[in-house]
Amino acid sequence: MADRSFSVARLPGFTATALLVFVVLYLPIVTLVAYSFNKGVNMASWEGLSLQWYVKAWANEQVKAATLRSLTIAASAAAVSTVVATMAALGTTRRKAFRGQTLIYMAINQPLMVPEIVTAVALLIFFAQIKIWSGYTGLGYLILAHSAFCIPFAYLPIRARLEGMDLTLETAAADLYATPWATFRRITLPLLLPGIIAGMMLAFVISLDDVVITEFVKSGGQDTLPTYMLGQMRRQLTPEINAISTMLLAVTVILLTSFFLLTRKRD
């Protein structure tokens, strides 16, 4: 008897469409990486292999300052958002269903559903008032803004990990008179740790790559690496930007690969 099961891959033109999508998505990235090794200044012609643009990017003091600022904001925002997301995930999964639970899910995931420009404008207005009242214009605003935006990204893998964890060990610990804190520290936290690490890495990548919220919230002299690159592209586009983009891409790929390895199902 013939197999009548439906498969999208058998539809006419599926293979060609899939290949076209991959070409459109990845050919510009491959071109960017290739031209970061271009010897010449002209980005429209290939003049030979060279690492000079990586050397120049590494020696650029503005790039170093922007990179350090980006790493500081991303690490701080990842830590804050992961702590908040862990508490939120525990509060919404380690208890019986309650009235308003769906509303809480929606509130936590709100930054994922609302256009980022709307969140950026809202944060700009909110922090502008605080700046006027306090007179403080440091990096704290960017860290808080990135933390708020990254919470749902950290929350999703942590919640997924919690929902896949069996309650048997925690119940057994409670039966053996372990306190809630002891149960969490010795049972729940070690089992949840891969999800926490994955959530933190995802939040770090999102914060590191963010442009829109940073552009709206930052004060003068607080350029991160993405906003510095955006400013340079408005002035003069050089292969140095390609080299910086390639290094940023490499960091992102490494972190996302680690995230995938931590969250994939294990036998």
C-alpha atoms as a PDB file:
ATOM      1  CA  MET A   1       0.000   0.000   0.000  1.00  0.00           C
ATOM      2  CA  ALA A   2       1.354   3.409  -1.010  1.00  0.00           C
ATOM      3  CA  ASP A   3       2.478   5.776   1.717  1.00  0.00           C
ATOM      4  CA  ARG A   4      -0.032   8.662   1.746  1.00  0.00           C
ATOM      5  CA  SER A   5       1.544  10.577   4.640  1.00  0.00           C
ATOM      6  CA  PHE A   6       1.902  14.282   3.917  1.00  0.00           C
ATOM      7  CA  SER A   7       5.361  15.819   3.761  1.00  0.00           C
ATOM      8  CA  VAL A   8       6.109  19.455   2.994  1.00  0.00           C
ATOM      9  CA  ALA A   9       9.445  18.418   1.485  1.00  0.00           C
ATOM     10  CA  ARG A  10       7.583  16.609  -1.317  1.00  0.00           C
ATOM     11  CA  LEU A  11       5.772  19.731  -2.514  1.00  0.00           C
ATOM     12  CA  PRO A  12       6.876  21.023  -5.932  1.00  0.00           C
ATOM     13  CA  GLY A  13       9.489  23.767  -5.614  1.00  0.00           C
ATOM     14  CA  PHE A  14      10.173  23.168  -1.923  1.00  0.00           C
ATOM     15  CA  THR A  15      13.887  22.430  -2.410  1.00  0.00           C
ATOM     16  CA  ALA A  16      14.433  25.420  -4.679  1.00  0.00           C
ATOM     17  CA  THR A  17      12.606  27.740  -2.273  1.00  0.00           C
ATOM     18  CA  ALA A  18      14.589  26.453   0.698  1.00  0.00           C
ATOM     19  CA  LEU A  19      17.887  26.965  -1.133  1.00  0.00           C
ATOM     20  CA  LEU A  20      16.853  30.482  -2.183  1.00  0.00           C
ATOM     21  CA  VAL A  21      15.988  31.376   1.417  1.00  0.00           C
ATOM     22  CA  PHE A  22      19.361  30.112   2.662  1.00  0.00           C
ATOM     23  CA  VAL A  23      21.189  32.058  -0.060  1.00  0.00           C
ATOM     24  CA  VAL A  24      19.338  35.286   0.774  1.00  0.00           C
ATOM     25  CA  LEU A  25      19.976  34.820   4.505  1.00  0.00           C
ATOM     26  CA  TYR A  26      23.604  33.729   4.509  1.00  0.00           C
ATOM     27  CA  LEU A  27      25.237  35.056   1.323  1.00  0.00           C
ATOM     28  CA  PRO A  28      25.433  38.645   2.705  1.00  0.00           C
ATOM     29  CA  ILE A  29      27.026  37.302   5.901  1.00  0.00           C
ATOM     30  CA  VAL A  30      29.541  35.205   3.952  1.00  0.00           C
ATOM     31  CA  THR A  31      30.347  38.254   1.795  1.00  0.00           C
ATOM     32  CA  LEU A  32      30.886  40.400   4.894  1.00  0.00           C
ATOM     33  CA  VAL A  33      33.255  37.852   6.440  1.00  0.00           C
ATOM     34  CA  ALA A  34      35.172  37.415   3.176  1.00  0.00           C
ATOM     35  CA  TYR A  35      35.648  41.157   2.626  1.00  0.00           C
ATOM     36  CA  SER A  36      36.883  41.618   6.194  1.00  0.00           C
ATOM     37  CA  PHE A  37      40.075  39.978   4.887  1.00  0.00           C
ATOM     38  CA  ASN A  38      40.259  42.257   1.841  1.00  0.00           C
ATOM     39  CA  LYS A  39      43.606  44.000   1.477  1.00  0.00           C
ATOM     40  CA  GLY A  40      42.223  47.095  -0.213  1.00  0.00           C
ATOM     41  CA  VAL A  41      40.055  49.936   1.076  1.00  0.00           C
ATOM     42  CA  ASN A  42      37.547  49.641  -1.757  1.00  0.00           C
ATOM     43  CA  MET A  43      34.778  47.323  -0.607  1.00  0.00           C
ATOM     44  CA  ALA A  44      33.563  46.784  -4.161  1.00  0.00           C
ATOM     45  CA  SER A  45      36.706  45.024  -5.407  1.00  0.00           C
ATOM     46  CA  TRP A  46      38.887  42.223  -4.081  1.00  0.00           C
ATOM     47  CA  GLU A  47      42.576  43.129  -3.774  1.00  0.00           C
ATOM     48  CA  GLY A  48      44.004  40.148  -1.901  1.00  0.00           C
ATOM     49  CA  LEU A  49      44.087  38.597   1.547  1.00  0.00           C
ATOM     50  CA  SER A  50      45.147  40.630   4.557  1.00  0.00           C
ATOM     51  CA  LEU A  51      44.569  40.841   8.314  1.00  0.00           C
ATOM     52  CA  GLN A  52      45.271  44.581   8.429  1.00  0.00           C
ATOM     53  CA  TRP A  53      41.675  45.545   9.243  1.00  0.00           C
ATOM     54  CA  TYR A  54      41.617  43.222  12.239  1.00  0.00           C
ATOM     55  CA  VAL A  55      44.897  44.757  13.411  1.00  0.00           C
ATOM     56  CA  LYS A  56      43.495  48.282  12.984  1.00  0.00           C
ATOM     57  CA  ALA A  57      40.267  47.362  14.782  1.00  0.00           C
ATOM     58  CA  TRP A  58      42.268  45.836  17.639  1.00  0.00           C
ATOM     59  CA  ALA A  59      44.406  48.999  17.921  1.00  0.00           C
ATOM     60  CA  ASN A  60      41.440  51.396  17.735  1.00  0.00           C
ATOM     61  CA  GLU A  61      40.918  52.941  21.182  1.00  0.00           C
ATOM     62  CA  GLN A  62      37.301  53.827  20.420  1.00  0.00           C
ATOM     63  CA  VAL A  63      36.581  50.219  19.481  1.00  0.00           C
ATOM     64  CA  LYS A  64      38.249  49.001  22.685  1.00  0.00           C
ATOM     65  CA  ALA A  65      36.219  51.403  24.821  1.00  0.00           C
ATOM     66  CA  ALA A  66      32.960  50.524  23.070  1.00  0.00           C
ATOM     67  CA  THR A  67      33.706  46.790  23.352  1.00  0.00           C
ATOM     68  CA  LEU A  68      34.467  47.027  27.067  1.00  0.00           C
ATOM     69  CA  ARG A  69      31.292  49.048  27.597  1.00  0.00           C
ATOM     70  CA  SER A  70      29.237  46.505  25.630  1.00  0.00           C
ATOM     71  CA  LEU A  71      30.656  43.589  27.628  1.00  0.00           C
ATOM     72  CA  THR A  72      30.033  45.387  30.936  1.00  0.00           C
ATOM     73  CA  ILE A  73      26.413  46.168  30.056  1.00  0.00           C
ATOM     74  CA  ALA A  74      25.747  42.720  28.583  1.00  0.00           C
ATOM     75  CA  ALA A  75      27.258  40.841  31.538  1.00  0.00           C
ATOM     76  CA  SER A  76      25.405  42.986  34.083  1.00  0.00           C
ATOM     77  CA  ALA A  77      22.104  42.805  32.216  1.00  0.00           C
ATOM     78  CA  ALA A  78      22.456  39.033  31.760  1.00  0.00           C
ATOM     79  CA  ALA A  79      23.077  38.529  35.478  1.00  0.00           C
ATOM     80  CA  VAL A  80      20.170  40.755  36.587  1.00  0.00           C
ATOM     81  CA  SER A  81      17.681  39.412  34.043  1.00  0.00           C
ATOM     82  CA  THR A  82      18.629  35.782  34.804  1.00  0.00           C
ATOM     83  CA  VAL A  83      18.077  36.226  38.543  1.00  0.00           C
ATOM     84  CA  VAL A  84      14.674  37.846  37.950  1.00  0.00           C
ATOM     85  CA  ALA A  85      13.748  35.264  35.302  1.00  0.00           C
ATOM     86  CA  THR A  86      14.702  32.374  37.620  1.00  0.00           C
ATOM     87  CA  MET A  87      12.490  33.716  40.394  1.00  0.00           C
ATOM     88  CA  ALA A  88       9.660  34.290  37.934  1.00  0.00           C
ATOM     89  CA  ALA A  89      10.010  30.789  36.486  1.00  0.00           C
ATOM     90  CA  LEU A  90       9.975  29.214  39.953  1.00  0.00           C
ATOM     91  CA  GLY A  91       6.945  31.257  40.939  1.00  0.00           C
ATOM     92  CA  THR A  92       4.961  30.292  37.839  1.00  0.00           C
ATOM     93  CA  THR A  93       5.857  26.607  37.529  1.00  0.00           C
ATOM     94  CA  ARG A  94       6.537  25.198  41.009  1.00  0.00           C
ATOM     95  CA  ARG A  95       2.960  25.643  42.223  1.00  0.00           C
ATOM     96  CA  LYS A  96      -0.609  24.773  41.260  1.00  0.00           C
ATOM     97  CA  ALA A  97      -2.338  26.711  38.512  1.00  0.00           C
ATOM     98  CA  PHE A  98      -3.860  29.946  39.803  1.00  0.00           C
ATOM     99  CA  ARG A  99      -6.125  32.681  38.552  1.00  0.00           C
ATOM    100  CA  GLY A 100      -4.239  35.245  36.498  1.00  0.00           C
ATOM    101  CA  GLN A 101      -1.387  32.897  35.590  1.00  0.00           C
ATOM    102  CA  THR A 102      -1.868  33.499  31.858  1.00  0.00           C
ATOM    103  CA  LEU A 103      -1.810  37.248  32.471  1.00  0.00           C
ATOM    104  CA  ILE A 104       1.507  36.896  34.300  1.00  0.00           C
ATOM    105  CA  TYR A 105       2.953  34.871  31.408  1.00  0.00           C
ATOM    106  CA  MET A 106       1.849  37.620  29.030  1.00  0.00           C
ATOM    107  CA  ALA A 107       3.379  40.338  31.210  1.00  0.00           C
ATOM    108  CA  ILE A 108       6.728  38.537  31.431  1.00  0.00           C
ATOM    109  CA  ASN A 109       6.865  37.907  27.681  1.00  0.00           C
ATOM    110  CA  GLN A 110       5.582  41.373  26.757  1.00  0.00           C
ATOM    111  CA  PRO A 111       8.953  42.604  25.352  1.00  0.00           C
ATOM    112  CA  LEU A 112       8.864  39.706  22.868  1.00  0.00           C
ATOM    113  CA  MET A 113       5.433  40.686  21.533  1.00  0.00           C
ATOM    114  CA  VAL A 114       5.727  44.486  21.458  1.00  0.00           C
ATOM    115  CA  PRO A 115       7.905  46.081  18.740  1.00  0.00           C
ATOM    116  CA  GLU A 116      11.310  46.934  20.176  1.00  0.00           C
ATOM    117  CA  ILE A 117      10.986  50.564  19.104  1.00  0.00           C
ATOM    118  CA  VAL A 118       7.923  50.916  21.374  1.00  0.00           C
ATOM    119  CA  THR A 119       9.851  49.491  24.340  1.00  0.00           C
ATOM    120  CA  ALA A 120      12.767  51.801  23.538  1.00  0.00           C
ATOM    121  CA  VAL A 121      10.571  54.920  23.460  1.00  0.00           C
ATOM    122  CA  ALA A 122       8.889  53.910  26.726  1.00  0.00           C
ATOM    123  CA  LEU A 123      12.257  53.372  28.419  1.00  0.00           C
ATOM    124  CA  LEU A 124      13.528  56.688  27.037  1.00  0.00           C
ATOM    125  CA  ILE A 125      10.607  58.604  28.551  1.00  0.00           C
ATOM    126  CA  PHE A 126      10.840  56.737  31.867  1.00  0.00           C
ATOM    127  CA  PHE A 127      14.587  57.158  32.320  1.00  0.00           C
ATOM    128  CA  ALA A 128      14.568  60.754  31.048  1.00  0.00           C
ATOM    129  CA  GLN A 129      12.373  61.714  34.006  1.00  0.00           C
ATOM    130  CA  ILE A 130      14.688  59.905  36.423  1.00  0.00           C
ATOM    131  CA  LYS A 131      17.725  61.642  34.901  1.00  0.00           C
ATOM    132  CA  ILE A 132      16.083  65.018  35.434  1.00  0.00           C
ATOM    133  CA  TRP A 133      15.202  64.241  39.053  1.00  0.00           C
ATOM    134  CA  SER A 134      18.470  62.574  40.037  1.00  0.00           C
ATOM    135  CA  GLY A 135      21.051  64.197  37.780  1.00  0.00           C
ATOM    136  CA  TYR A 136      22.701  60.778  37.307  1.00  0.00           C
ATOM    137  CA  THR A 137      23.608  59.892  33.709  1.00  0.00           C
ATOM    138  CA  GLY A 138      25.775  56.781  34.131  1.00  0.00           C
ATOM    139  CA  LEU A 139      25.598  53.309  32.596  1.00  0.00           C
ATOM    140  CA  GLY A 140      23.014  52.200  35.168  1.00  0.00           C
ATOM    141  CA  TYR A 141      20.168  53.221  32.880  1.00  0.00           C
ATOM    142  CA  LEU A 142      21.476  51.121  30.005  1.00  0.00           C
ATOM    143  CA  ILE A 143      21.983  48.142  32.318  1.00  0.00           C
ATOM    144  CA  LEU A 144      18.427  48.434  33.687  1.00  0.00           C
ATOM    145  CA  ALA A 145      16.965  48.935  30.197  1.00  0.00           C
ATOM    146  CA  HIS A 146      18.800  45.904  28.796  1.00  0.00           C
ATOM    147  CA  SER A 147      17.866  43.841  31.870  1.00  0.00           C
ATOM    148  CA  ALA A 148      14.170  44.607  31.431  1.00  0.00           C
ATOM    149  CA  PHE A 149      14.325  43.701  27.748  1.00  0.00           C
ATOM    150  CA  CYS A 150      16.305  40.478  28.334  1.00  0.00           C
ATOM    151  CA  ILE A 151      14.101  39.003  31.090  1.00  0.00           C
ATOM    152  CA  PRO A 152      11.792  37.036  28.726  1.00  0.00           C
ATOM    153  CA  PHE A 153      14.774  35.673  26.774  1.00  0.00           C
ATOM    154  CA  ALA A 154      16.266  34.296  29.994  1.00  0.00           C
ATOM    155  CA  TYR A 155      12.853  33.192  31.277  1.00  0.00           C
ATOM    156  CA  LEU A 156      11.943  30.896  28.380  1.00  0.00           C
ATOM    157  CA  PRO A 157      14.803  28.327  28.684  1.00  0.00           C
ATOM    158  CA  ILE A 158      14.639  28.391  32.488  1.00  0.00           C
ATOM    159  CA  ARG A 159      10.901  27.763  32.493  1.00  0.00           C
ATOM    160  CA  ALA A 160      11.296  25.036  29.858  1.00  0.00           C
ATOM    161  CA  ARG A 161      13.919  23.346  32.037  1.00  0.00           C
ATOM    162  CA  LEU A 162      11.689  23.538  35.119  1.00  0.00           C
ATOM    163  CA  GLU A 163       8.693  22.102  33.268  1.00  0.00           C
ATOM    164  CA  GLY A 164      10.828  19.149  32.166  1.00  0.00           C
ATOM    165  CA  MET A 165      12.060  18.401  35.683  1.00  0.00           C
ATOM    166  CA  ASP A 166      10.374  15.659  37.719  1.00  0.00           C
ATOM    167  CA  LEU A 167       9.089  16.717  41.134  1.00  0.00           C
ATOM    168  CA  THR A 168       9.922  13.311  42.647  1.00  0.00           C
ATOM    169  CA  LEU A 169      13.311  14.292  44.082  1.00  0.00           C
ATOM    170  CA  GLU A 170      11.989  17.529  45.546  1.00  0.00           C
ATOM    171  CA  THR A 171       9.036  15.678  47.088  1.00  0.00           C
ATOM    172  CA  ALA A 172      11.374  13.056  48.527  1.00  0.00           C
ATOM    173  CA  ALA A 173      13.547  15.781  50.059  1.00  0.00           C
ATOM    174  CA  ALA A 174      10.492  17.351  51.676  1.00  0.00           C
ATOM    175  CA  ASP A 175       9.445  13.933  53.038  1.00  0.00           C
ATOM    176  CA  LEU A 176      12.906  13.668  54.617  1.00  0.00           C
ATOM    177  CA  TYR A 177      12.281  16.966  56.466  1.00  0.00           C
ATOM    178  CA  ALA A 178      14.457  19.132  54.260  1.00  0.00           C
ATOM    179  CA  THR A 179      13.601  22.814  54.435  1.00  0.00           C
ATOM    180  CA  PRO A 180      12.406  24.578  51.243  1.00  0.00           C
ATOM    181  CA  TRP A 181      15.762  26.393  50.999  1.00  0.00           C
ATOM    182  CA  ALA A 182      17.754  23.170  51.464  1.00  0.00           C
ATOM    183  CA  THR A 183      15.599  21.455  48.825  1.00  0.00           C
ATOM    184  CA  PHE A 184      16.165  24.307  46.396  1.00  0.00           C
ATOM    185  CA  ARG A 185      19.929  24.514  47.057  1.00  0.00           C
ATOM    186  CA  ARG A 186      20.660  20.774  46.918  1.00  0.00           C
ATOM    187  CA  ILE A 187      18.024  19.458  44.482  1.00  0.00           C
ATOM    188  CA  THR A 188      16.307  22.115  42.359  1.00  0.00           C
ATOM    189  CA  LEU A 189      19.247  24.436  41.650  1.00  0.00           C
ATOM    190  CA  PRO A 190      21.721  21.745  40.448  1.00  0.00           C
ATOM    191  CA  LEU A 191      19.071  20.301  38.125  1.00  0.00           C
ATOM    192  CA  LEU A 192      18.050  23.767  36.934  1.00  0.00           C
ATOM    193  CA  LEU A 193      21.617  25.029  36.386  1.00  0.00           C
ATOM    194  CA  PRO A 194      21.863  24.140  32.654  1.00  0.00           C
ATOM    195  CA  GLY A 195      18.684  26.138  32.019  1.00  0.00           C
ATOM    196  CA  ILE A 196      19.998  29.074  34.046  1.00  0.00           C
ATOM    197  CA  ILE A 197      23.305  29.082  32.160  1.00  0.00           C
ATOM    198  CA  ALA A 198      21.485  28.831  28.829  1.00  0.00           C
ATOM    199  CA  GLY A 199      19.163  31.694  29.776  1.00  0.00           C
ATOM    200  CA  MET A 200      22.102  33.844  30.865  1.00  0.00           C
ATOM    201  CA  MET A 201      23.991  33.211  27.620  1.00  0.00           C
ATOM    202  CA  LEU A 202      20.929  34.044  25.526  1.00  0.00           C
ATOM    203  CA  ALA A 203      20.335  37.241  27.513  1.00  0.00           C
ATOM    204  CA  PHE A 204      24.026  38.150  27.100  1.00  0.00           C
ATOM    205  CA  VAL A 205      23.845  37.759  23.312  1.00  0.00           C
ATOM    206  CA  ILE A 206      20.611  39.765  23.046  1.00  0.00           C
ATOM    207  CA  SER A 207      22.079  42.591  25.145  1.00  0.00           C
ATOM    208  CA  LEU A 208      25.419  42.537  23.318  1.00  0.00           C
ATOM    209  CA  ASP A 209      23.750  42.871  19.903  1.00  0.00           C
ATOM    210  CA  ASP A 210      21.065  45.402  20.848  1.00  0.00           C
ATOM    211  CA  VAL A 211      21.008  48.693  18.954  1.00  0.00           C
ATOM    212  CA  VAL A 212      17.510  50.196  19.189  1.00  0.00           C
ATOM    213  CA  ILE A 213      17.127  50.370  22.984  1.00  0.00           C
ATOM    214  CA  THR A 214      20.764  51.405  23.427  1.00  0.00           C
ATOM    215  CA  GLU A 215      20.428  54.191  20.861  1.00  0.00           C
ATOM    216  CA  PHE A 216      17.394  55.627  22.664  1.00  0.00           C
ATOM    217  CA  VAL A 217      18.541  55.275  26.291  1.00  0.00           C
ATOM    218  CA  LYS A 218      22.286  56.013  26.157  1.00  0.00           C
ATOM    219  CA  SER A 219      23.768  59.364  27.106  1.00  0.00           C
ATOM    220  CA  GLY A 220      26.631  61.134  25.345  1.00  0.00           C
ATOM    221  CA  GLY A 221      29.873  59.160  25.236  1.00  0.00           C
ATOM    222  CA  GLN A 222      28.150  55.845  26.025  1.00  0.00           C
ATOM    223  CA  ASP A 223      28.403  54.164  22.639  1.00  0.00           C
ATOM    224  CA  THR A 224      28.376  50.387  22.700  1.00  0.00           C
ATOM    225  CA  LEU A 225      30.041  48.376  19.945  1.00  0.00           C
ATOM    226  CA  PRO A 226      26.859  48.071  17.794  1.00  0.00           C
ATOM    227  CA  THR A 227      26.012  51.800  18.109  1.00  0.00           C
ATOM    228  CA  TYR A 228      29.646  52.734  17.396  1.00  0.00           C
ATOM    229  CA  MET A 229      29.496  50.643  14.216  1.00  0.00           C
ATOM    230  CA  LEU A 230      26.213  52.296  13.233  1.00  0.00           C
ATOM    231  CA  GLY A 231      27.765  55.730  13.683  1.00  0.00           C
ATOM    232  CA  GLN A 232      30.809  54.787  11.604  1.00  0.00           C
ATOM    233  CA  MET A 233      28.623  53.470   8.800  1.00  0.00           C
ATOM    234  CA  ARG A 234      26.881  56.854   8.640  1.00  0.00           C
ATOM    235  CA  ARG A 235      30.245  58.567   8.145  1.00  0.00           C
ATOM    236  CA  GLN A 236      32.471  56.219   6.109  1.00  0.00           C
ATOM    237  CA  LEU A 237      32.111  52.503   5.538  1.00  0.00           C
ATOM    238  CA  THR A 238      35.494  50.764   5.670  1.00  0.00           C
ATOM    239  CA  PRO A 239      36.578  47.093   5.850  1.00  0.00           C
ATOM    240  CA  GLU A 240      37.381  47.756   9.528  1.00  0.00           C
ATOM    241  CA  ILE A 241      33.622  47.596  10.164  1.00  0.00           C
ATOM    242  CA  ASN A 242      33.577  44.220   8.405  1.00  0.00           C
ATOM    243  CA  ALA A 243      36.336  42.961  10.714  1.00  0.00           C
ATOM    244  CA  ILE A 244      34.476  44.156  13.833  1.00  0.00           C
ATOM    245  CA  SER A 245      31.246  42.613  12.544  1.00  0.00           C
ATOM    246  CA  THR A 246      33.001  39.304  11.900  1.00  0.00           C
ATOM    247  CA  MET A 247      34.427  39.186  15.424  1.00  0.00           C
ATOM    248  CA  LEU A 248      31.020  40.035  16.894  1.00  0.00           C
ATOM    249  CA  LEU A 249      29.449  37.349  14.715  1.00  0.00           C
ATOM    250  CA  ALA A 250      31.996  34.784  15.940  1.00  0.00           C
ATOM    251  CA  VAL A 251      31.201  35.557  19.589  1.00  0.00           C
ATOM    252  CA  THR A 252      27.467  35.298  18.929  1.00  0.00           C
ATOM    253  CA  VAL A 253      27.803  31.972  17.089  1.00  0.00           C
ATOM    254  CA  ILE A 254      29.924  30.488  19.879  1.00  0.00           C
ATOM    255  CA  LEU A 255      27.435  31.530  22.558  1.00  0.00           C
ATOM    256  CA  LEU A 256      24.387  30.368  20.595  1.00  0.00           C
ATOM    257  CA  THR A 257      26.045  27.025  19.848  1.00  0.00           C
ATOM    258  CA  SER A 258      26.728  26.608  23.565  1.00  0.00           C
ATOM    259  CA  PHE A 259      23.103  27.543  24.257  1.00  0.00           C
ATOM    260  CA  PHE A 260      21.916  24.848  21.836  1.00  0.00           C
ATOM    261  CA  LEU A 261      24.161  22.212  23.370  1.00  0.00           C
ATOM    262  CA  LEU A 262      22.918  23.039  26.871  1.00  0.00           C
ATOM    263  CA  THR A 263      19.211  23.022  25.989  1.00  0.00           C
ATOM    264  CA  ARG A 264      18.986  20.085  23.587  1.00  0.00           C
ATOM    265  CA  LYS A 265      17.311  16.934  24.867  1.00  0.00           C
ATOM    266  CA  ARG A 266      19.618  14.305  26.320  1.00  0.00           C
ATOM    267  CA  ASP A 267      18.920  10.599  26.415  1.00  0.00           C
END
